[in-house]
Every structure is written in C-alpha cells, then in structure tokens.
C-alpha cells in the first residue's frame, strides 16, 4: 500500500529485523508441564488463530494479485510486491497449512490447510508430507531431506519434483493395492491438479494474464521458502539401518532444533521440529524443546540467508552434524 520502497518492507522485516531481534530476545527452552499439556492442547484460542491465518492468507493473495494486475505499479514495485507476498504465503500460509493438515482427527482443519496450499499451487504437499516425508525422513528415500554437502540450489529441483513423484507414488500405490488404476478420482492428485488449473483459469478471467503472472510468481517464492525451511530442518542428518535392514525409528536427533523465542512465536513453534517428528499429532502450542537434538546456531530467518550462500552454509553447518555413531549413542540414551 505504501508503494516505492515500501514494497520491500516485508523482506527487510523478515530477513533484517527478525534476525537481530532473535539475537536480542534470546532463547526459550522451557516446556509445558506434563499436567498442563491436555488443557493446553484443548485451548481453542490456539486453534482459532490458525483458522484466522488461513483465511488471511487467502485474502492476502487475492488482494496482492489484484494489486499486481493493476496499472499503478512500477516494475520495481511489482517485484517487491511479489517477493513480499511470497514470503507471507510461505512464512504464514504454508506454515499454517502444515499445522492444519496434521489435524487428522477432524475434517475441517485438513480442508482449511488444503485451501491454504491451493493459494500457492502446492496441494500435493499435503499428501507427500504426511504419508511420505514423515515415513522416510532422514533417509536417502526422502526428497525433503537435504544431504550433507548438497547445496540448496541442488536440493530445490530434487525436493520439488521428487515430492510430486512421491505424492503420485503414494496415491498410485494405494490404488494399486486395491486393484484399481491410478487414473481414477480416488487419486487425490487428480482433483488437486484440477482445482489448481481452475484457480489459474479464474485468475486469468478476473485479472488477466498479468494477474496469472503475479499469482504463479508469489507461489514460486512461497514454495522456494518452504523448501528452504525443509533444507534447514534435516540437513545432513540420517537414520541408520538396523539388523533387519529397516531404518531405525525417527528420533529427536533426526531434525534440527532451534529455541529462538521470537521466530518460534512467529512460526507456530515450527523450529521445535524434532518433537513434531517424534509426535506429529501434537498441536503446535504443546511442542517441546529437546536439548539432546542437534541445535541450529540461529533462527530460521538467519539460517535461510546462510542456506542461500552454500560455502558459508557448509562451513557453519557441516561441523555441527552429529557423527552417525554419536547419533546412535544419543538415541540409546
């Protein structure tokens, strides 16, 4: 709304101000008391906040696309708008959808999560993340786990296209085991793809080609930010194979943890990622900090900037990766 440099203020706040505030405000390593967890999980305010953010996400994309399609912006302002809108879509929209799609004990919240994912044209991720990533995390089979010495720029195509392939394999395999073809309506990828094509067509009709460019561009930024976070969350961590040639269970040492208070407030405790993988059904307000998990040196906003500079990322992160033997010893403790 401010125009000019104001179009870039989201970038300045997220990747300039928040890292500074993270360092100043410090860490929060406290966990909810066991006796309070049930009441905390049932507190409706936390739930309503995610619903509100999902609605704001859809409204923000509509407003941003309408603004982008208008005639009053310069090229520089359009670029700033798309980057800022995409950061909001990735940092709020996809983060909230991640929380909502895990609430499989009801139908409304996963539906709301998929609506938020539709706003960034990434609905297949609801399938791949739940049925794929949580099963294969920290193994070579997981497209969303970054390998040691793999740059983000090499990781991006592997995780994006590998995630689509994984989602297809999950749906096709489910149908095949029931003696059905993958090309049936029960394959959720087909209606998801149809919805996304219809959304792009609707944007084209209402806002024209310029609107489609804005819609797709902000989705690209949001998806790239999501995959940056995926890159950070499991970089270089790997589960061992046991005697039966199966991977060991997912443990708290197979995700990076960060205790930076402000970023955890902003990202619905997403940085308490080890506990999320240990107990995926936990609502975000009850996630716990684990000292024994590998610790990131900074919050996600800072780590995103580091990930975009591979030599610096490798220099800082590679020495922090626990050796496989140490990972196993930590697990046994």
Foldseek 3Di string as FASTA:
>chain_A
DPADCVLQVLVCCLQPVVQVVLVVVDFDADADDPVCQVVLQVPCVLVVVLLVLLVVLLVLLVVLLQVQLDDPHDPVSSVSNLLNNLCSLQQRLQLSLLLQLLQVVDDVSPVSSLSSVLLLLRNLCSQCVPVNCLVQAQAPLQLLAAAALQALVNSVVSNVVVSVVSSLCVQQVVQVVVVHGSPDVSSVVVVSNVSSVVVLVVLCVPRNPSSSCSSNSSSVSSSSLNSLVSHQFQYNGHFDQDPVRHTDRQALQRTEAERRPPSCVSSLNVRLVSQCSVPVNRRSSRRHHDPLHQYDPGDPSNSSVQSVPSVSNSVPPVVSRDPPVVVVVSVVD
